Amino acid sequence: MSVKFFTANPNALLKEFMEKITQEEKEGSITTWEITSTGSFTHKGQQYAREAFFRADPQPENKTLLFKIVRPEGKNISQRAYGYYHGHLIETFLNHFDKKFVSASASAMPADGDNVQG
C-alpha cells in the first residue's frame, strides 16, 4: 500500500500536489518534492534525494489516492529512506492539503505494488 490518502476527489488532490511542486511562485509551493520525467515523485533533500520514488495511483472508486514506493534502478530502499519518504509525504499533505483529505495511512512494511528490493 505505501501511503494512502482518503479523499472525495483523488484526481483533484493529485493534480493540486503536482501544481504546488511545479508552481513558479515560492509562496505556498512545495519545494521538497520533484516530479521525474517518468511522472514519479522523489524527495529533493540532500540526505534522501532520489533514494526512492513514489508512483501515484488515484482510485476514484475507492475515494483514495495511493502512492506506491519504488526503488531506484540498481539499488534497494533502506529502512531509513522508506520511513523518511512515507513520513515526509504525509507531512507535506498535512501542511498543504489538510482540508482536501480525511485521513492518511502508511504501511509499516512493503505491500502489494511496492518495489523496494532488486
C-alpha atoms as a PDB file:
ATOM      1  CA  MET A   1       0.000   0.000   0.000  1.00  0.00           C
ATOM      2  CA  SER A   2       2.715   2.508   0.913  1.00  0.00           C
ATOM      3  CA  VAL A   3       0.786   5.757   1.533  1.00  0.00           C
ATOM      4  CA  LYS A   4      -2.952   6.170   1.111  1.00  0.00           C
ATOM      5  CA  PHE A   5      -4.949   9.393   1.354  1.00  0.00           C
ATOM      6  CA  PHE A   6      -8.695   9.108   1.834  1.00  0.00           C
ATOM      7  CA  THR A   7     -10.313  11.882  -0.175  1.00  0.00           C
ATOM      8  CA  ALA A   8     -13.533  12.633  -2.041  1.00  0.00           C
ATOM      9  CA  ASN A   9     -11.597  13.514  -5.198  1.00  0.00           C
ATOM     10  CA  PRO A  10      -8.246  11.708  -5.574  1.00  0.00           C
ATOM     11  CA  ASN A  11      -7.626  13.032  -9.096  1.00  0.00           C
ATOM     12  CA  ALA A  12      -8.046  16.644  -7.954  1.00  0.00           C
ATOM     13  CA  LEU A  13      -5.776  16.075  -4.939  1.00  0.00           C
ATOM     14  CA  LEU A  14      -3.043  14.605  -7.140  1.00  0.00           C
ATOM     15  CA  LYS A  15      -3.400  17.493  -9.599  1.00  0.00           C
ATOM     16  CA  GLU A  16      -3.028  20.048  -6.780  1.00  0.00           C
ATOM     17  CA  PHE A  17       0.056  18.225  -5.450  1.00  0.00           C
ATOM     18  CA  MET A  18       1.647  18.374  -8.895  1.00  0.00           C
ATOM     19  CA  GLU A  19       0.734  22.042  -9.343  1.00  0.00           C
ATOM     20  CA  LYS A  20       2.263  23.009  -5.984  1.00  0.00           C
ATOM     21  CA  ILE A  21       5.505  21.221  -6.916  1.00  0.00           C
ATOM     22  CA  THR A  22       5.791  22.967 -10.280  1.00  0.00           C
ATOM     23  CA  GLN A  23       4.446  26.420  -9.406  1.00  0.00           C
ATOM     24  CA  GLU A  24       6.820  29.334 -10.022  1.00  0.00           C
ATOM     25  CA  GLU A  25       5.700  31.442  -7.057  1.00  0.00           C
ATOM     26  CA  LYS A  26       7.544  30.460  -3.857  1.00  0.00           C
ATOM     27  CA  GLU A  27       4.625  31.305  -1.536  1.00  0.00           C
ATOM     28  CA  GLY A  28       2.689  28.090  -0.918  1.00  0.00           C
ATOM     29  CA  SER A  29       4.818  25.979  -3.227  1.00  0.00           C
ATOM     30  CA  ILE A  30       6.193  22.538  -2.404  1.00  0.00           C
ATOM     31  CA  THR A  31       9.970  22.702  -2.692  1.00  0.00           C
ATOM     32  CA  THR A  32      10.992  19.360  -1.171  1.00  0.00           C
ATOM     33  CA  TRP A  33       9.497  17.085  -3.837  1.00  0.00           C
ATOM     34  CA  GLU A  34      10.081  16.847  -7.556  1.00  0.00           C
ATOM     35  CA  ILE A  35       8.335  15.107 -10.419  1.00  0.00           C
ATOM     36  CA  THR A  36      10.607  12.906 -12.525  1.00  0.00           C
ATOM     37  CA  SER A  37      10.471  12.560 -16.288  1.00  0.00           C
ATOM     38  CA  THR A  38       8.519   9.312 -15.783  1.00  0.00           C
ATOM     39  CA  GLY A  39       5.893  11.033 -13.628  1.00  0.00           C
ATOM     40  CA  SER A  40       7.097   9.619 -10.308  1.00  0.00           C
ATOM     41  CA  PHE A  41       7.739  11.727  -7.223  1.00  0.00           C
ATOM     42  CA  THR A  42      11.021  11.828  -5.321  1.00  0.00           C
ATOM     43  CA  HIS A  43      12.423  13.840  -2.470  1.00  0.00           C
ATOM     44  CA  LYS A  44      14.907  16.638  -3.166  1.00  0.00           C
ATOM     45  CA  GLY A  45      16.517  16.975   0.275  1.00  0.00           C
ATOM     46  CA  GLN A  46      20.244  16.287   0.225  1.00  0.00           C
ATOM     47  CA  GLN A  47      20.234  13.308   2.595  1.00  0.00           C
ATOM     48  CA  TYR A  48      17.473  11.309   0.853  1.00  0.00           C
ATOM     49  CA  ALA A  49      17.427  12.736  -2.680  1.00  0.00           C
ATOM     50  CA  ARG A  50      16.368  10.071  -5.193  1.00  0.00           C
ATOM     51  CA  GLU A  51      16.680   7.286  -2.587  1.00  0.00           C
ATOM     52  CA  ALA A  52      13.150   6.173  -3.528  1.00  0.00           C
ATOM     53  CA  PHE A  53      10.265   7.143  -5.771  1.00  0.00           C
ATOM     54  CA  PHE A  54       6.505   7.219  -5.364  1.00  0.00           C
ATOM     55  CA  ARG A  55       4.092   6.390  -8.153  1.00  0.00           C
ATOM     56  CA  ALA A  56       0.647   7.878  -7.694  1.00  0.00           C
ATOM     57  CA  ASP A  57      -2.451   5.795  -8.297  1.00  0.00           C
ATOM     58  CA  PRO A  58      -5.690   7.783  -7.909  1.00  0.00           C
ATOM     59  CA  GLN A  59      -8.596   5.437  -7.188  1.00  0.00           C
ATOM     60  CA  PRO A  60     -11.868   7.405  -7.515  1.00  0.00           C
ATOM     61  CA  GLU A  61     -13.963   4.272  -6.985  1.00  0.00           C
ATOM     62  CA  ASN A  62     -12.354   3.801  -3.536  1.00  0.00           C
ATOM     63  CA  LYS A  63     -12.032   7.544  -2.823  1.00  0.00           C
ATOM     64  CA  THR A  64      -8.296   7.118  -2.250  1.00  0.00           C
ATOM     65  CA  LEU A  65      -5.052   8.454  -3.612  1.00  0.00           C
ATOM     66  CA  LEU A  66      -2.456   5.699  -3.301  1.00  0.00           C
ATOM     67  CA  PHE A  67       1.307   6.212  -3.534  1.00  0.00           C
ATOM     68  CA  LYS A  68       3.364   3.063  -4.149  1.00  0.00           C
ATOM     69  CA  ILE A  69       7.069   3.191  -3.358  1.00  0.00           C
ATOM     70  CA  VAL A  70       9.611   2.126  -5.968  1.00  0.00           C
ATOM     71  CA  ARG A  71      13.346   1.646  -5.659  1.00  0.00           C
ATOM     72  CA  PRO A  72      15.917   3.431  -7.796  1.00  0.00           C
ATOM     73  CA  GLU A  73      17.331   1.322 -10.591  1.00  0.00           C
ATOM     74  CA  GLY A  74      20.079  -0.952  -9.294  1.00  0.00           C
ATOM     75  CA  LYS A  75      19.537  -0.062  -5.620  1.00  0.00           C
ATOM     76  CA  ASN A  76      17.408  -1.154  -2.695  1.00  0.00           C
ATOM     77  CA  ILE A  77      15.473   1.220  -0.454  1.00  0.00           C
ATOM     78  CA  SER A  78      16.914   1.379   3.056  1.00  0.00           C
ATOM     79  CA  GLN A  79      14.667   1.142   6.090  1.00  0.00           C
ATOM     80  CA  ARG A  80      15.543   4.764   6.970  1.00  0.00           C
ATOM     81  CA  ALA A  81      14.687   6.048   3.486  1.00  0.00           C
ATOM     82  CA  TYR A  82      11.444   4.030   3.492  1.00  0.00           C
ATOM     83  CA  GLY A  83      10.391   5.638   6.772  1.00  0.00           C
ATOM     84  CA  TYR A  84      11.508   9.100   5.744  1.00  0.00           C
ATOM     85  CA  TYR A  85       9.669   9.053   2.413  1.00  0.00           C
ATOM     86  CA  HIS A  86       6.423   7.832   3.970  1.00  0.00           C
ATOM     87  CA  GLY A  87       6.535  10.283   6.850  1.00  0.00           C
ATOM     88  CA  HIS A  88       7.518  13.254   4.749  1.00  0.00           C
ATOM     89  CA  LEU A  89       4.833  12.632   2.129  1.00  0.00           C
ATOM     90  CA  ILE A  90       2.147  12.601   4.819  1.00  0.00           C
ATOM     91  CA  GLU A  91       3.680  15.706   6.435  1.00  0.00           C
ATOM     92  CA  THR A  92       3.644  17.505   3.073  1.00  0.00           C
ATOM     93  CA  PHE A  93      -0.031  16.710   2.544  1.00  0.00           C
ATOM     94  CA  LEU A  94      -0.926  17.797   6.085  1.00  0.00           C
ATOM     95  CA  ASN A  95       0.878  21.110   5.573  1.00  0.00           C
ATOM     96  CA  HIS A  96      -0.606  21.874   2.152  1.00  0.00           C
ATOM     97  CA  PHE A  97      -3.839  19.908   1.724  1.00  0.00           C
ATOM     98  CA  ASP A  98      -5.274  19.300   5.204  1.00  0.00           C
ATOM     99  CA  LYS A  99      -8.768  20.265   4.079  1.00  0.00           C
ATOM    100  CA  LYS A 100      -8.590  18.067   0.951  1.00  0.00           C
ATOM    101  CA  PHE A 101      -8.430  14.636   2.640  1.00  0.00           C
ATOM    102  CA  VAL A 102      -9.978  12.992   5.678  1.00  0.00           C
ATOM    103  CA  SER A 103      -7.115  10.771   6.790  1.00  0.00           C
ATOM    104  CA  ALA A 104      -3.928   9.102   5.621  1.00  0.00           C
ATOM    105  CA  SER A 105      -2.247   5.795   6.317  1.00  0.00           C
ATOM    106  CA  ALA A 106       1.188   4.334   5.703  1.00  0.00           C
ATOM    107  CA  SER A 107       2.193   0.699   5.614  1.00  0.00           C
ATOM    108  CA  ALA A 108       4.947  -0.300   8.029  1.00  0.00           C
ATOM    109  CA  MET A 109       6.249  -2.893   5.592  1.00  0.00           C
ATOM    110  CA  PRO A 110       6.202  -3.002   1.789  1.00  0.00           C
ATOM    111  CA  ALA A 111       2.848  -4.073   0.394  1.00  0.00           C
ATOM    112  CA  ASP A 112       1.471  -5.256  -2.914  1.00  0.00           C
ATOM    113  CA  GLY A 113       2.716  -2.982  -5.679  1.00  0.00           C
ATOM    114  CA  ASP A 114       5.713  -1.667  -3.727  1.00  0.00           C
ATOM    115  CA  ASN A 115       9.185  -2.368  -5.133  1.00  0.00           C
ATOM    116  CA  VAL A 116      11.922  -1.935  -2.533  1.00  0.00           C
ATOM    117  CA  GLN A 117      14.467  -4.671  -3.340  1.00  0.00           C
ATOM    118  CA  GLY A 118      16.009  -5.986  -6.513  1.00  0.00           C
END
